[in-house]
Amino acid sequence: MGLGDNVFAWRTTPIQSSEIPGLVYRDRTETKEFGWGYCENKTPIEIEIYASTIEEIRGYIADLEKAVFTDDKWGNLAMYSDLNINEVVIEQKENIFVASQIILTVTYRTVFGDPYTKA
């Protein structure tokens, strides 16, 4: 539906109407659980979707869910992904609708003491 044309990491300035539809993502605080020789990492990613109508927002959320679960292991880099779309908050700011509080959590393992090597 064209959402992928305007994707921004850690965007701090307001989305303009010419950038609709748009998506902003931010990684949040990663958690780590240590095991025998490995570290299980959980990285939550906060997602905001911007659109012109609530109906478009719903369609983009469905597209996001389909994209994540088409390959929830990210080309075998992750163990699995969780997409929390139950707490979506939709706000209207002038003629732009924004859906926020969508959290994608990616879980993966690395070698203990080496965050660059997959376990």
C-alpha atoms as a PDB file:
ATOM      1  CA  MET A   1       0.000   0.000   0.000  1.00  0.00           C
ATOM      2  CA  GLY A   2       3.008   2.326  -0.296  1.00  0.00           C
ATOM      3  CA  LEU A   3       3.931   2.513   3.389  1.00  0.00           C
ATOM      4  CA  GLY A   4       7.505   1.443   2.637  1.00  0.00           C
ATOM      5  CA  ASP A   5       8.197   4.597   0.611  1.00  0.00           C
ATOM      6  CA  ASN A   6       8.599   6.786   3.717  1.00  0.00           C
ATOM      7  CA  VAL A   7      10.293   4.858   6.519  1.00  0.00           C
ATOM      8  CA  PHE A   8      12.260   6.839   9.090  1.00  0.00           C
ATOM      9  CA  ALA A   9      14.517   5.680  11.917  1.00  0.00           C
ATOM     10  CA  TRP A  10      14.331   7.800  15.081  1.00  0.00           C
ATOM     11  CA  ARG A  11      12.532  10.672  13.340  1.00  0.00           C
ATOM     12  CA  THR A  12      12.322  13.687  15.683  1.00  0.00           C
ATOM     13  CA  THR A  13      10.629  16.219  13.411  1.00  0.00           C
ATOM     14  CA  PRO A  14       6.914  16.071  12.589  1.00  0.00           C
ATOM     15  CA  ILE A  15       5.813  14.064   9.557  1.00  0.00           C
ATOM     16  CA  GLN A  16       4.672  16.314   6.719  1.00  0.00           C
ATOM     17  CA  SER A  17       1.562  15.628   4.656  1.00  0.00           C
ATOM     18  CA  SER A  18       3.822  15.017   1.616  1.00  0.00           C
ATOM     19  CA  GLU A  19       5.385  12.108   3.556  1.00  0.00           C
ATOM     20  CA  ILE A  20       2.083  10.304   4.061  1.00  0.00           C
ATOM     21  CA  PRO A  21       1.891   7.363   4.342  1.00  0.00           C
ATOM     22  CA  GLY A  22       4.893   7.087   6.621  1.00  0.00           C
ATOM     23  CA  LEU A  23       6.395   4.912   9.311  1.00  0.00           C
ATOM     24  CA  VAL A  24       8.763   5.885  12.134  1.00  0.00           C
ATOM     25  CA  TYR A  25      10.580   3.276  14.210  1.00  0.00           C
ATOM     26  CA  ARG A  26      12.777   3.446  17.295  1.00  0.00           C
ATOM     27  CA  ASP A  27      14.576   0.660  19.083  1.00  0.00           C
ATOM     28  CA  ARG A  28      13.951   0.622  22.814  1.00  0.00           C
ATOM     29  CA  THR A  29      15.971  -0.773  25.711  1.00  0.00           C
ATOM     30  CA  GLU A  30      17.170  -4.273  24.891  1.00  0.00           C
ATOM     31  CA  THR A  31      17.026  -6.954  27.565  1.00  0.00           C
ATOM     32  CA  LYS A  32      19.509  -9.797  27.905  1.00  0.00           C
ATOM     33  CA  GLU A  33      19.243 -13.190  29.578  1.00  0.00           C
ATOM     34  CA  PHE A  34      22.475 -15.126  29.951  1.00  0.00           C
ATOM     35  CA  GLY A  35      22.703 -18.874  29.481  1.00  0.00           C
ATOM     36  CA  TRP A  36      25.505 -21.413  29.107  1.00  0.00           C
ATOM     37  CA  GLY A  37      27.686 -19.819  26.442  1.00  0.00           C
ATOM     38  CA  TYR A  38      24.978 -17.641  24.941  1.00  0.00           C
ATOM     39  CA  CYS A  39      22.994 -14.482  25.538  1.00  0.00           C
ATOM     40  CA  GLU A  40      19.311 -14.270  24.603  1.00  0.00           C
ATOM     41  CA  ASN A  41      18.549 -10.726  23.455  1.00  0.00           C
ATOM     42  CA  LYS A  42      15.090  -9.152  23.189  1.00  0.00           C
ATOM     43  CA  THR A  43      14.960  -5.929  21.234  1.00  0.00           C
ATOM     44  CA  PRO A  44      11.659  -4.028  21.298  1.00  0.00           C
ATOM     45  CA  ILE A  45      11.034  -1.694  18.380  1.00  0.00           C
ATOM     46  CA  GLU A  46       8.415   1.038  18.756  1.00  0.00           C
ATOM     47  CA  ILE A  47       6.490   1.757  15.550  1.00  0.00           C
ATOM     48  CA  GLU A  48       4.332   4.735  14.568  1.00  0.00           C
ATOM     49  CA  ILE A  49       2.293   4.673  11.363  1.00  0.00           C
ATOM     50  CA  TYR A  50       1.068   7.892   9.737  1.00  0.00           C
ATOM     51  CA  ALA A  51      -1.800   8.000   7.226  1.00  0.00           C
ATOM     52  CA  SER A  52      -4.648  10.150   5.917  1.00  0.00           C
ATOM     53  CA  THR A  53      -7.522   8.049   7.274  1.00  0.00           C
ATOM     54  CA  ILE A  54      -8.206   5.540  10.023  1.00  0.00           C
ATOM     55  CA  GLU A  55      -9.095   2.972   7.351  1.00  0.00           C
ATOM     56  CA  GLU A  56      -5.621   3.368   5.835  1.00  0.00           C
ATOM     57  CA  ILE A  57      -4.064   2.947   9.295  1.00  0.00           C
ATOM     58  CA  ARG A  58      -5.908  -0.361   9.725  1.00  0.00           C
ATOM     59  CA  GLY A  59      -4.713  -1.535   6.304  1.00  0.00           C
ATOM     60  CA  TYR A  60      -1.102  -0.584   7.070  1.00  0.00           C
ATOM     61  CA  ILE A  61      -1.237  -2.395  10.413  1.00  0.00           C
ATOM     62  CA  ALA A  62      -2.476  -5.503   8.598  1.00  0.00           C
ATOM     63  CA  ASP A  63       0.336  -5.129   6.033  1.00  0.00           C
ATOM     64  CA  LEU A  64       2.872  -4.758   8.850  1.00  0.00           C
ATOM     65  CA  GLU A  65       1.595  -7.899  10.558  1.00  0.00           C
ATOM     66  CA  LYS A  66       1.752  -9.848   7.293  1.00  0.00           C
ATOM     67  CA  ALA A  67       5.299  -8.634   6.554  1.00  0.00           C
ATOM     68  CA  VAL A  68       6.600  -9.516  10.022  1.00  0.00           C
ATOM     69  CA  PHE A  69       5.111 -12.982  10.079  1.00  0.00           C
ATOM     70  CA  THR A  70       6.132 -13.796   6.500  1.00  0.00           C
ATOM     71  CA  ASP A  71       9.650 -14.101   7.955  1.00  0.00           C
ATOM     72  CA  ASP A  72       9.529 -13.617  11.726  1.00  0.00           C
ATOM     73  CA  LYS A  73      13.076 -15.024  11.953  1.00  0.00           C
ATOM     74  CA  TRP A  74      14.493 -12.208   9.750  1.00  0.00           C
ATOM     75  CA  GLY A  75      16.329 -14.506   7.349  1.00  0.00           C
ATOM     76  CA  ASN A  76      17.279 -16.816  10.228  1.00  0.00           C
ATOM     77  CA  LEU A  77      19.012 -14.014  12.177  1.00  0.00           C
ATOM     78  CA  ALA A  78      16.405 -14.160  14.954  1.00  0.00           C
ATOM     79  CA  MET A  79      14.709 -16.921  16.901  1.00  0.00           C
ATOM     80  CA  TYR A  80      11.266 -15.315  16.607  1.00  0.00           C
ATOM     81  CA  SER A  81       9.366 -12.019  16.644  1.00  0.00           C
ATOM     82  CA  ASP A  82       6.328 -10.801  18.561  1.00  0.00           C
ATOM     83  CA  LEU A  83       4.105  -8.023  17.261  1.00  0.00           C
ATOM     84  CA  ASN A  84       1.922  -6.305  19.852  1.00  0.00           C
ATOM     85  CA  ILE A  85      -0.819  -4.480  18.010  1.00  0.00           C
ATOM     86  CA  ASN A  86      -3.383  -4.741  20.802  1.00  0.00           C
ATOM     87  CA  GLU A  87      -2.582  -1.345  22.315  1.00  0.00           C
ATOM     88  CA  VAL A  88      -2.811   0.816  19.209  1.00  0.00           C
ATOM     89  CA  VAL A  89      -3.615   4.442  19.965  1.00  0.00           C
ATOM     90  CA  ILE A  90      -4.902   6.470  17.016  1.00  0.00           C
ATOM     91  CA  GLU A  91      -4.697  10.261  17.198  1.00  0.00           C
ATOM     92  CA  GLN A  92      -5.589  12.952  14.697  1.00  0.00           C
ATOM     93  CA  LYS A  93      -3.240  15.908  14.266  1.00  0.00           C
ATOM     94  CA  GLU A  94      -4.741  18.267  11.707  1.00  0.00           C
ATOM     95  CA  ASN A  95      -5.243  16.108   8.577  1.00  0.00           C
ATOM     96  CA  ILE A  96      -2.842  13.368   9.621  1.00  0.00           C
ATOM     97  CA  PHE A  97      -3.759  10.261  11.586  1.00  0.00           C
ATOM     98  CA  VAL A  98      -1.092   8.469  13.587  1.00  0.00           C
ATOM     99  CA  ALA A  99      -1.161   4.988  15.081  1.00  0.00           C
ATOM    100  CA  SER A 100       1.301   4.500  17.880  1.00  0.00           C
ATOM    101  CA  GLN A 101       2.263   2.066  20.646  1.00  0.00           C
ATOM    102  CA  ILE A 102       2.826  -0.742  18.182  1.00  0.00           C
ATOM    103  CA  ILE A 103       5.704  -2.793  19.560  1.00  0.00           C
ATOM    104  CA  LEU A 104       7.680  -5.355  17.565  1.00  0.00           C
ATOM    105  CA  THR A 105      10.004  -7.452  19.741  1.00  0.00           C
ATOM    106  CA  VAL A 106      12.739  -9.442  18.018  1.00  0.00           C
ATOM    107  CA  THR A 107      14.411 -12.226  20.022  1.00  0.00           C
ATOM    108  CA  TYR A 108      17.797 -13.572  19.006  1.00  0.00           C
ATOM    109  CA  ARG A 109      20.825 -15.285  20.547  1.00  0.00           C
ATOM    110  CA  THR A 110      24.462 -14.275  20.471  1.00  0.00           C
ATOM    111  CA  VAL A 111      27.609 -15.853  21.843  1.00  0.00           C
ATOM    112  CA  PHE A 112      28.193 -14.889  25.487  1.00  0.00           C
ATOM    113  CA  GLY A 113      30.477 -11.851  25.555  1.00  0.00           C
ATOM    114  CA  ASP A 114      30.320 -11.351  21.762  1.00  0.00           C
ATOM    115  CA  PRO A 115      27.197  -9.439  20.672  1.00  0.00           C
ATOM    116  CA  TYR A 116      28.252  -9.654  17.001  1.00  0.00           C
ATOM    117  CA  THR A 117      28.276 -13.446  16.697  1.00  0.00           C
ATOM    118  CA  LYS A 118      25.043 -15.401  16.392  1.00  0.00           C
ATOM    119  CA  ALA A 119      24.724 -18.372  18.755  1.00  0.00           C
END
